[in-house]
Each structure stands twice: as structure tokens, then as C-alpha cells.
Amino acid sequence: MGDLNDRMIADLIDAVRQVLRKEASERLRDVYLIGDIEKDTARAAIERLRELANESTRPITLYINSAGGNVTDGLALHDAIRHIVSRGIEVTIIVQGMAYSMGSIVLQAASEGRRLTFPHSWIMIHEPAKWAGWQSTTAAAQHLERLKQMQDQIYNILSSRSGRPLRQIIKDTKRNDFYLDAQKALEYGLIDAIVAGELPEPKPAPVVGDMGEAGGGRPAAVDVNASREEAAAARESTGTGGRPGRPGGPGKPGA
């Protein structure tokens, strides 16, 4: 009987915790896009974003950690976010880990100045043909017109939000995957800011010439000849050329 009561109490505690987590999540208005961008994950994110947008005009934050996925699902999520932004609701997107391929396109949907990333996150953009999932030139040729339209849409999104000319976007994404860490993504224009949390910079090694002055490390250089001259002058001023004797006794004459 005691074990049964303990299990019931534990289940009740877990249920209360889940309710509290849900309520806290709703208050925070956070949405998470974790994993590949495909039909189910995109639909879940879109539904949650629209629910929050309909409840209140308070800001919404989307956390993304994705290696990419389906082009049309990614564009659907991008457009849903832009629609919410157009209604005057601020949407912040924060990269925690990575935003590769279509993940980088979803990132561009955030409100002005609200594309953020953590210090050790990465962003990757590449040729839209790879995003379409066509692994052979034959398959791509069959959908050439559609592929061209997708390329234009994605290139325009990247160019518009980064401020880079289309020609450079095409050049940087042609053939090779283009990886950028947080700082490079900021310089390139794919994000607006890096979220605080970076480790402090390593302390620079002290310069050898300054170590003696600071009183630490290797001592400063000593002029040996000057020291000998000062010692000789001191002996002459005392009137003896010998070494000082023991306390209370005369010095021993020098040789």
C-alpha cells in the first residue's frame, strides 16, 4: 500500500511539473526548431508560432539548431515568420548550435536586428540545387525551371538580408559549402548580433623586457661592469681594500 501511494505521489509531482513547464514556456513565448526541417517539424513550429501570435502581440523567440532539410518546408516556415513580423510582432531567431542549409534561410526571417547566434554556433549556406535533394544532374534537368525559381528565391533572401550583392552570394555558394562561425557570419551580414556568453580572451604573455619592472617573472638585466665600479668606489671611501671582517673585528688586508 505504501509503495502504491509513493508511486501515485511521484506521478502527481511529474504531472504538476509538466503543467508548470508548459505554463512557463507559454509565458516565455519560446519556440524550438530542433533537427531536420521537414513536414512535421515545420508544421509544428508554424502552428505554435501562429498560436502565440494570435494570443498576444508580445515578442516571440525561435531557437534553431538544424542542419537543414526540405526546401519547400523551410520556405513555408520562413514565410510564416515573415507574415507574423508584418503584423507588428517582433520575432527573434537565435541559433544555438547550427543553422545549415535551409536553417540559414529560416534564420533570415527574423525581425530587423533580431537575427542572433550564440558564440560557438555555426552557419552554412550553399548552392540551392543541393537543398532540393536532387542528387543527379538528370533529376535536376527534369525540374530545371523549378530549380531556377528556387535558386532565385533563396539567393534574393540571402542578398536582401545580408546586404551582399547577388553576384557575391552566388559565387560564395557555388559548388562548395560555405561555413561561417559566429563572428564571420556577423561580418558577412547573416546575423545581427552575437548573444553574450563568450569566454574571456586569454591573457597575453608579458613582454620579457617588462617583466623585471613588474616585479614578476625573469629579472631585468644587470650591468655587471657598473656594479664592479660601484663596489671599488665603496672600498676606497672606507679606506680599506680588504674584505670586511667579522662583526666587532678589523678587516683583513687585501692582497
C-alpha atoms as a PDB file:
ATOM      1  CA  MET A   1       0.000   0.000   0.000  1.00  0.00           C
ATOM      2  CA  GLY A   2       2.836   2.302   0.876  1.00  0.00           C
ATOM      3  CA  ASP A   3       4.576   1.667  -2.473  1.00  0.00           C
ATOM      4  CA  LEU A   4       1.352   2.429  -4.352  1.00  0.00           C
ATOM      5  CA  ASN A   5       0.928   5.723  -2.531  1.00  0.00           C
ATOM      6  CA  ASP A   6       4.544   6.638  -3.255  1.00  0.00           C
ATOM      7  CA  ARG A   7       4.065   5.948  -6.979  1.00  0.00           C
ATOM      8  CA  MET A   8       0.858   7.984  -7.071  1.00  0.00           C
ATOM      9  CA  ILE A   9       2.577  10.898  -5.365  1.00  0.00           C
ATOM     10  CA  ALA A  10       5.528  10.674  -7.784  1.00  0.00           C
ATOM     11  CA  ASP A  11       3.164  10.624 -10.789  1.00  0.00           C
ATOM     12  CA  LEU A  12       1.283  13.605  -9.390  1.00  0.00           C
ATOM     13  CA  ILE A  13       4.522  15.535  -8.914  1.00  0.00           C
ATOM     14  CA  ASP A  14       5.592  14.768 -12.503  1.00  0.00           C
ATOM     15  CA  ALA A  15       2.203  15.899 -13.831  1.00  0.00           C
ATOM     16  CA  VAL A  16       2.419  19.173 -11.898  1.00  0.00           C
ATOM     17  CA  ARG A  17       5.940  19.764 -13.178  1.00  0.00           C
ATOM     18  CA  GLN A  18       4.826  19.259 -16.776  1.00  0.00           C
ATOM     19  CA  VAL A  19       1.982  21.734 -16.324  1.00  0.00           C
ATOM     20  CA  LEU A  20       4.360  24.269 -14.792  1.00  0.00           C
ATOM     21  CA  ARG A  21       6.860  23.800 -17.635  1.00  0.00           C
ATOM     22  CA  LYS A  22       4.113  24.327 -20.208  1.00  0.00           C
ATOM     23  CA  GLU A  23       2.893  27.457 -18.465  1.00  0.00           C
ATOM     24  CA  ALA A  24       6.437  28.810 -18.200  1.00  0.00           C
ATOM     25  CA  SER A  25       7.026  28.100 -21.890  1.00  0.00           C
ATOM     26  CA  GLU A  26       3.832  29.913 -22.791  1.00  0.00           C
ATOM     27  CA  ARG A  27       4.840  32.905 -20.682  1.00  0.00           C
ATOM     28  CA  LEU A  28       8.278  32.988 -22.286  1.00  0.00           C
ATOM     29  CA  ARG A  29       6.743  32.618 -25.763  1.00  0.00           C
ATOM     30  CA  ASP A  30       9.640  30.434 -26.900  1.00  0.00           C
ATOM     31  CA  VAL A  31       9.514  28.062 -29.873  1.00  0.00           C
ATOM     32  CA  TYR A  32      12.138  25.421 -30.668  1.00  0.00           C
ATOM     33  CA  LEU A  33      13.161  24.172 -34.107  1.00  0.00           C
ATOM     34  CA  ILE A  34      15.484  21.256 -33.409  1.00  0.00           C
ATOM     35  CA  GLY A  35      16.568  18.724 -36.047  1.00  0.00           C
ATOM     36  CA  ASP A  36      15.849  18.440 -39.750  1.00  0.00           C
ATOM     37  CA  ILE A  37      13.383  20.823 -41.339  1.00  0.00           C
ATOM     38  CA  GLU A  38      10.697  18.613 -42.834  1.00  0.00           C
ATOM     39  CA  LYS A  39       6.915  18.392 -42.938  1.00  0.00           C
ATOM     40  CA  ASP A  40       6.244  17.545 -39.291  1.00  0.00           C
ATOM     41  CA  THR A  41       8.807  19.835 -37.645  1.00  0.00           C
ATOM     42  CA  ALA A  42       7.893  22.754 -39.912  1.00  0.00           C
ATOM     43  CA  ARG A  43       4.169  22.266 -39.286  1.00  0.00           C
ATOM     44  CA  ALA A  44       4.656  22.073 -35.507  1.00  0.00           C
ATOM     45  CA  ALA A  45       6.753  25.250 -35.481  1.00  0.00           C
ATOM     46  CA  ILE A  46       4.311  27.142 -37.726  1.00  0.00           C
ATOM     47  CA  GLU A  47       1.293  26.112 -35.632  1.00  0.00           C
ATOM     48  CA  ARG A  48       3.000  27.146 -32.395  1.00  0.00           C
ATOM     49  CA  LEU A  49       4.143  30.483 -33.846  1.00  0.00           C
ATOM     50  CA  ARG A  50       0.621  31.279 -35.047  1.00  0.00           C
ATOM     51  CA  GLU A  51      -0.894  30.320 -31.692  1.00  0.00           C
ATOM     52  CA  LEU A  52       1.429  32.696 -29.874  1.00  0.00           C
ATOM     53  CA  ALA A  53       0.851  35.447 -32.442  1.00  0.00           C
ATOM     54  CA  ASN A  54      -2.935  35.126 -32.028  1.00  0.00           C
ATOM     55  CA  GLU A  55      -2.734  35.167 -28.231  1.00  0.00           C
ATOM     56  CA  SER A  56      -0.740  38.357 -27.902  1.00  0.00           C
ATOM     57  CA  THR A  57       1.440  40.847 -29.754  1.00  0.00           C
ATOM     58  CA  ARG A  58       4.286  40.315 -27.289  1.00  0.00           C
ATOM     59  CA  PRO A  59       7.658  39.263 -28.828  1.00  0.00           C
ATOM     60  CA  ILE A  60       8.306  35.643 -29.805  1.00  0.00           C
ATOM     61  CA  THR A  61      11.673  33.871 -29.755  1.00  0.00           C
ATOM     62  CA  LEU A  62      12.533  30.931 -32.024  1.00  0.00           C
ATOM     63  CA  TYR A  63      15.573  28.831 -31.104  1.00  0.00           C
ATOM     64  CA  ILE A  64      17.024  26.905 -34.029  1.00  0.00           C
ATOM     65  CA  ASN A  65      19.531  24.046 -34.157  1.00  0.00           C
ATOM     66  CA  SER A  66      19.184  22.430 -37.553  1.00  0.00           C
ATOM     67  CA  ALA A  67      21.338  21.003 -40.317  1.00  0.00           C
ATOM     68  CA  GLY A  68      18.691  21.953 -42.890  1.00  0.00           C
ATOM     69  CA  GLY A  69      16.095  19.941 -44.717  1.00  0.00           C
ATOM     70  CA  ASN A  70      13.356  20.249 -47.303  1.00  0.00           C
ATOM     71  CA  VAL A  71      13.310  23.436 -49.384  1.00  0.00           C
ATOM     72  CA  THR A  72       9.551  23.934 -49.580  1.00  0.00           C
ATOM     73  CA  ASP A  73       9.023  23.227 -45.877  1.00  0.00           C
ATOM     74  CA  GLY A  74      11.810  25.651 -44.992  1.00  0.00           C
ATOM     75  CA  LEU A  75      10.373  28.357 -47.231  1.00  0.00           C
ATOM     76  CA  ALA A  76       6.918  27.778 -45.729  1.00  0.00           C
ATOM     77  CA  LEU A  77       8.341  28.356 -42.249  1.00  0.00           C
ATOM     78  CA  HIS A  78      10.260  31.413 -43.464  1.00  0.00           C
ATOM     79  CA  ASP A  79       7.100  32.929 -44.981  1.00  0.00           C
ATOM     80  CA  ALA A  80       5.019  32.167 -41.870  1.00  0.00           C
ATOM     81  CA  ILE A  81       7.521  34.048 -39.702  1.00  0.00           C
ATOM     82  CA  ARG A  82       7.633  36.990 -42.114  1.00  0.00           C
ATOM     83  CA  HIS A  83       3.845  37.151 -42.051  1.00  0.00           C
ATOM     84  CA  ILE A  84       3.875  37.373 -38.250  1.00  0.00           C
ATOM     85  CA  VAL A  85       6.544  40.086 -38.434  1.00  0.00           C
ATOM     86  CA  SER A  86       4.419  42.036 -40.909  1.00  0.00           C
ATOM     87  CA  ARG A  87       1.667  42.144 -38.258  1.00  0.00           C
ATOM     88  CA  GLY A  88       3.951  44.134 -35.995  1.00  0.00           C
ATOM     89  CA  ILE A  89       5.013  41.236 -33.757  1.00  0.00           C
ATOM     90  CA  GLU A  90       8.724  41.041 -33.082  1.00  0.00           C
ATOM     91  CA  VAL A  91      10.238  37.624 -33.819  1.00  0.00           C
ATOM     92  CA  THR A  92      13.756  36.897 -32.597  1.00  0.00           C
ATOM     93  CA  ILE A  93      15.605  33.880 -34.007  1.00  0.00           C
ATOM     94  CA  ILE A  94      18.602  32.568 -32.061  1.00  0.00           C
ATOM     95  CA  VAL A  95      20.986  29.938 -33.428  1.00  0.00           C
ATOM     96  CA  GLN A  96      22.125  27.513 -30.746  1.00  0.00           C
ATOM     97  CA  GLY A  97      24.474  25.021 -32.369  1.00  0.00           C
ATOM     98  CA  MET A  98      23.981  25.364 -36.115  1.00  0.00           C
ATOM     99  CA  ALA A  99      21.804  26.780 -38.851  1.00  0.00           C
ATOM    100  CA  TYR A 100      22.886  24.972 -42.006  1.00  0.00           C
ATOM    101  CA  SER A 101      21.325  24.994 -45.453  1.00  0.00           C
ATOM    102  CA  MET A 102      17.585  25.741 -45.101  1.00  0.00           C
ATOM    103  CA  GLY A 103      18.185  26.535 -41.437  1.00  0.00           C
ATOM    104  CA  SER A 104      20.144  29.591 -42.537  1.00  0.00           C
ATOM    105  CA  ILE A 105      17.180  30.695 -44.681  1.00  0.00           C
ATOM    106  CA  VAL A 106      14.720  30.361 -41.791  1.00  0.00           C
ATOM    107  CA  LEU A 107      17.146  32.474 -39.738  1.00  0.00           C
ATOM    108  CA  GLN A 108      16.756  35.328 -42.237  1.00  0.00           C
ATOM    109  CA  ALA A 109      13.020  35.590 -41.475  1.00  0.00           C
ATOM    110  CA  ALA A 110      13.576  37.272 -38.093  1.00  0.00           C
ATOM    111  CA  SER A 111      12.613  40.868 -37.402  1.00  0.00           C
ATOM    112  CA  GLU A 112      15.095  43.619 -38.212  1.00  0.00           C
ATOM    113  CA  GLY A 113      18.079  43.397 -35.883  1.00  0.00           C
ATOM    114  CA  ARG A 114      16.817  40.177 -34.270  1.00  0.00           C
ATOM    115  CA  ARG A 115      18.915  37.511 -36.050  1.00  0.00           C
ATOM    116  CA  LEU A 116      21.128  36.284 -33.222  1.00  0.00           C
ATOM    117  CA  THR A 117      23.522  33.438 -32.514  1.00  0.00           C
ATOM    118  CA  PHE A 118      25.426  32.053 -29.576  1.00  0.00           C
ATOM    119  CA  PRO A 119      29.219  32.490 -29.698  1.00  0.00           C
ATOM    120  CA  HIS A 120      30.076  28.917 -30.699  1.00  0.00           C
ATOM    121  CA  SER A 121      27.315  28.351 -33.234  1.00  0.00           C
ATOM    122  CA  TRP A 122      27.895  27.873 -36.966  1.00  0.00           C
ATOM    123  CA  ILE A 123      26.014  28.892 -40.101  1.00  0.00           C
ATOM    124  CA  MET A 124      26.346  27.337 -43.542  1.00  0.00           C
ATOM    125  CA  ILE A 125      24.937  28.366 -46.909  1.00  0.00           C
ATOM    126  CA  HIS A 126      25.368  26.537 -50.185  1.00  0.00           C
ATOM    127  CA  GLU A 127      24.015  26.073 -53.685  1.00  0.00           C
ATOM    128  CA  PRO A 128      20.201  25.720 -53.643  1.00  0.00           C
ATOM    129  CA  ALA A 129      20.341  22.728 -56.007  1.00  0.00           C
ATOM    130  CA  LYS A 130      21.697  20.650 -53.112  1.00  0.00           C
ATOM    131  CA  TRP A 131      18.851  21.776 -50.886  1.00  0.00           C
ATOM    132  CA  ALA A 132      16.295  20.478 -53.363  1.00  0.00           C
ATOM    133  CA  GLY A 133      17.521  16.940 -52.726  1.00  0.00           C
ATOM    134  CA  TRP A 134      18.325  16.174 -56.354  1.00  0.00           C
ATOM    135  CA  GLN A 135      21.487  14.145 -56.250  1.00  0.00           C
ATOM    136  CA  SER A 136      21.835  13.602 -60.020  1.00  0.00           C
ATOM    137  CA  THR A 137      22.043  16.010 -62.940  1.00  0.00           C
ATOM    138  CA  THR A 138      19.322  14.019 -64.719  1.00  0.00           C
ATOM    139  CA  ALA A 139      16.822  14.618 -61.915  1.00  0.00           C
ATOM    140  CA  ALA A 140      17.814  18.262 -61.756  1.00  0.00           C
ATOM    141  CA  ALA A 141      17.351  18.644 -65.512  1.00  0.00           C
ATOM    142  CA  GLN A 142      13.795  17.342 -65.247  1.00  0.00           C
ATOM    143  CA  HIS A 143      12.980  20.118 -62.805  1.00  0.00           C
ATOM    144  CA  LEU A 144      15.245  22.787 -64.266  1.00  0.00           C
ATOM    145  CA  GLU A 145      12.640  25.553 -64.340  1.00  0.00           C
ATOM    146  CA  ARG A 146      11.530  24.891 -60.767  1.00  0.00           C
ATOM    147  CA  LEU A 147      15.145  24.728 -59.640  1.00  0.00           C
ATOM    148  CA  LYS A 148      15.856  28.092 -61.264  1.00  0.00           C
ATOM    149  CA  GLN A 149      12.911  29.662 -59.450  1.00  0.00           C
ATOM    150  CA  MET A 150      14.015  28.212 -56.096  1.00  0.00           C
ATOM    151  CA  GLN A 151      17.549  29.461 -56.634  1.00  0.00           C
ATOM    152  CA  ASP A 152      16.282  32.954 -57.375  1.00  0.00           C
ATOM    153  CA  GLN A 153      14.072  32.968 -54.278  1.00  0.00           C
ATOM    154  CA  ILE A 154      16.826  31.772 -51.945  1.00  0.00           C
ATOM    155  CA  TYR A 155      19.526  33.998 -53.441  1.00  0.00           C
ATOM    156  CA  ASN A 156      17.220  37.008 -53.095  1.00  0.00           C
ATOM    157  CA  ILE A 157      16.512  36.213 -49.440  1.00  0.00           C
ATOM    158  CA  LEU A 158      20.220  35.921 -48.622  1.00  0.00           C
ATOM    159  CA  SER A 159      21.139  39.035 -50.595  1.00  0.00           C
ATOM    160  CA  SER A 160      18.314  41.141 -49.162  1.00  0.00           C
ATOM    161  CA  ARG A 161      19.043  40.332 -45.511  1.00  0.00           C
ATOM    162  CA  SER A 162      22.844  40.253 -45.693  1.00  0.00           C
ATOM    163  CA  GLY A 163      23.269  43.335 -47.880  1.00  0.00           C
ATOM    164  CA  ARG A 164      25.618  41.408 -50.147  1.00  0.00           C
ATOM    165  CA  PRO A 165      25.195  41.647 -53.929  1.00  0.00           C
ATOM    166  CA  LEU A 166      23.613  38.671 -55.683  1.00  0.00           C
ATOM    167  CA  ARG A 167      26.792  38.071 -57.629  1.00  0.00           C
ATOM    168  CA  GLN A 168      28.790  37.522 -54.430  1.00  0.00           C
ATOM    169  CA  ILE A 169      26.141  35.252 -52.866  1.00  0.00           C
ATOM    170  CA  ILE A 170      26.164  33.063 -55.990  1.00  0.00           C
ATOM    171  CA  LYS A 171      29.969  32.986 -56.079  1.00  0.00           C
ATOM    172  CA  ASP A 172      30.324  32.066 -52.385  1.00  0.00           C
ATOM    173  CA  THR A 173      27.738  29.267 -52.521  1.00  0.00           C
ATOM    174  CA  LYS A 174      28.664  27.774 -55.890  1.00  0.00           C
ATOM    175  CA  ARG A 175      29.821  24.146 -55.638  1.00  0.00           C
ATOM    176  CA  ASN A 176      31.239  24.330 -52.089  1.00  0.00           C
ATOM    177  CA  ASP A 177      29.501  24.561 -48.708  1.00  0.00           C
ATOM    178  CA  PHE A 178      30.238  27.973 -47.194  1.00  0.00           C
ATOM    179  CA  TYR A 179      30.718  27.688 -43.409  1.00  0.00           C
ATOM    180  CA  LEU A 180      30.866  30.706 -41.109  1.00  0.00           C
ATOM    181  CA  ASP A 181      31.420  30.883 -37.383  1.00  0.00           C
ATOM    182  CA  ALA A 182      29.512  33.455 -35.342  1.00  0.00           C
ATOM    183  CA  GLN A 183      31.955  36.313 -35.906  1.00  0.00           C
ATOM    184  CA  LYS A 184      32.291  35.699 -39.640  1.00  0.00           C
ATOM    185  CA  ALA A 185      28.523  35.374 -40.007  1.00  0.00           C
ATOM    186  CA  LEU A 186      28.177  38.754 -38.311  1.00  0.00           C
ATOM    187  CA  GLU A 187      30.704  40.320 -40.661  1.00  0.00           C
ATOM    188  CA  TYR A 188      29.039  38.702 -43.685  1.00  0.00           C
ATOM    189  CA  GLY A 189      25.623  40.033 -42.661  1.00  0.00           C
ATOM    190  CA  LEU A 190      23.814  36.755 -41.986  1.00  0.00           C
ATOM    191  CA  ILE A 191      23.207  37.691 -38.336  1.00  0.00           C
ATOM    192  CA  ASP A 192      22.748  40.963 -36.477  1.00  0.00           C
ATOM    193  CA  ALA A 193      24.497  40.201 -33.186  1.00  0.00           C
ATOM    194  CA  ILE A 194      26.200  37.537 -31.083  1.00  0.00           C
ATOM    195  CA  VAL A 195      24.480  36.648 -27.809  1.00  0.00           C
ATOM    196  CA  ALA A 196      26.630  37.235 -24.712  1.00  0.00           C
ATOM    197  CA  GLY A 197      28.323  34.192 -23.243  1.00  0.00           C
ATOM    198  CA  GLU A 198      31.745  34.096 -24.876  1.00  0.00           C
ATOM    199  CA  LEU A 199      34.708  33.039 -22.752  1.00  0.00           C
ATOM    200  CA  PRO A 200      37.134  35.834 -21.807  1.00  0.00           C
ATOM    201  CA  GLU A 201      40.112  36.345 -24.077  1.00  0.00           C
ATOM    202  CA  PRO A 202      43.332  34.578 -22.949  1.00  0.00           C
ATOM    203  CA  LYS A 203      45.713  36.925 -21.164  1.00  0.00           C
ATOM    204  CA  PRO A 204      48.639  37.994 -23.385  1.00  0.00           C
ATOM    205  CA  ALA A 205      52.087  36.734 -22.421  1.00  0.00           C
ATOM    206  CA  PRO A 206      54.137  39.501 -20.720  1.00  0.00           C
ATOM    207  CA  VAL A 207      56.985  41.039 -22.712  1.00  0.00           C
ATOM    208  CA  VAL A 208      60.393  39.863 -21.448  1.00  0.00           C
ATOM    209  CA  GLY A 209      61.763  43.383 -21.224  1.00  0.00           C
ATOM    210  CA  ASP A 210      58.915  44.500 -18.954  1.00  0.00           C
ATOM    211  CA  MET A 211      58.873  41.534 -16.598  1.00  0.00           C
ATOM    212  CA  GLY A 212      61.639  42.849 -14.355  1.00  0.00           C
ATOM    213  CA  GLU A 213      59.871  46.199 -13.972  1.00  0.00           C
ATOM    214  CA  ALA A 214      56.631  44.490 -12.966  1.00  0.00           C
ATOM    215  CA  GLY A 215      58.463  42.530 -10.310  1.00  0.00           C
ATOM    216  CA  GLY A 216      57.458  39.166 -11.685  1.00  0.00           C
ATOM    217  CA  GLY A 217      58.944  36.549 -13.960  1.00  0.00           C
ATOM    218  CA  ARG A 218      62.524  36.860 -15.215  1.00  0.00           C
ATOM    219  CA  PRO A 219      64.505  39.718 -13.531  1.00  0.00           C
ATOM    220  CA  ALA A 220      65.678  42.704 -15.556  1.00  0.00           C
ATOM    221  CA  ALA A 221      69.241  42.692 -16.961  1.00  0.00           C
ATOM    222  CA  VAL A 222      72.039  43.968 -14.641  1.00  0.00           C
ATOM    223  CA  ASP A 223      75.116  45.945 -15.769  1.00  0.00           C
ATOM    224  CA  VAL A 224      77.972  43.846 -14.294  1.00  0.00           C
ATOM    225  CA  ASN A 225      80.741  46.395 -15.045  1.00  0.00           C
ATOM    226  CA  ALA A 226      78.799  49.198 -13.356  1.00  0.00           C
ATOM    227  CA  SER A 227      78.343  47.058 -10.256  1.00  0.00           C
ATOM    228  CA  ARG A 228      82.085  46.352 -10.049  1.00  0.00           C
ATOM    229  CA  GLU A 229      82.905  50.067 -10.332  1.00  0.00           C
ATOM    230  CA  GLU A 230      80.431  50.937  -7.578  1.00  0.00           C
ATOM    231  CA  ALA A 231      81.985  48.266  -5.307  1.00  0.00           C
ATOM    232  CA  ALA A 232      85.517  49.639  -5.889  1.00  0.00           C
ATOM    233  CA  ALA A 233      84.399  53.164  -5.114  1.00  0.00           C
ATOM    234  CA  ALA A 234      82.834  51.965  -1.883  1.00  0.00           C
ATOM    235  CA  ARG A 235      86.085  50.303  -0.778  1.00  0.00           C
ATOM    236  CA  GLU A 236      88.091  53.452  -1.483  1.00  0.00           C
ATOM    237  CA  SER A 237      85.680  55.583   0.526  1.00  0.00           C
ATOM    238  CA  THR A 238      86.116  53.286   3.561  1.00  0.00           C
ATOM    239  CA  GLY A 239      89.908  53.453   3.272  1.00  0.00           C
ATOM    240  CA  THR A 240      90.469  49.722   3.011  1.00  0.00           C
ATOM    241  CA  GLY A 241      90.936  47.425   0.119  1.00  0.00           C
ATOM    242  CA  GLY A 242      90.202  44.276   2.089  1.00  0.00           C
ATOM    243  CA  ARG A 243      87.085  42.378   2.822  1.00  0.00           C
ATOM    244  CA  PRO A 244      85.124  43.440   5.880  1.00  0.00           C
ATOM    245  CA  GLY A 245      85.890  41.311   8.899  1.00  0.00           C
ATOM    246  CA  ARG A 246      83.578  39.719  11.328  1.00  0.00           C
ATOM    247  CA  PRO A 247      81.377  41.990  13.410  1.00  0.00           C
ATOM    248  CA  GLY A 248      83.436  43.779  16.054  1.00  0.00           C
ATOM    249  CA  GLY A 249      86.839  42.951  14.404  1.00  0.00           C
ATOM    250  CA  PRO A 250      89.158  44.624  11.858  1.00  0.00           C
ATOM    251  CA  GLY A 251      89.025  43.787   8.199  1.00  0.00           C
ATOM    252  CA  LYS A 252      91.620  41.527   6.646  1.00  0.00           C
ATOM    253  CA  PRO A 253      94.068  43.420   4.452  1.00  0.00           C
ATOM    254  CA  GLY A 254      93.759  42.825   0.783  1.00  0.00           C
ATOM    255  CA  ALA A 255      96.466  41.131  -1.259  1.00  0.00           C
END
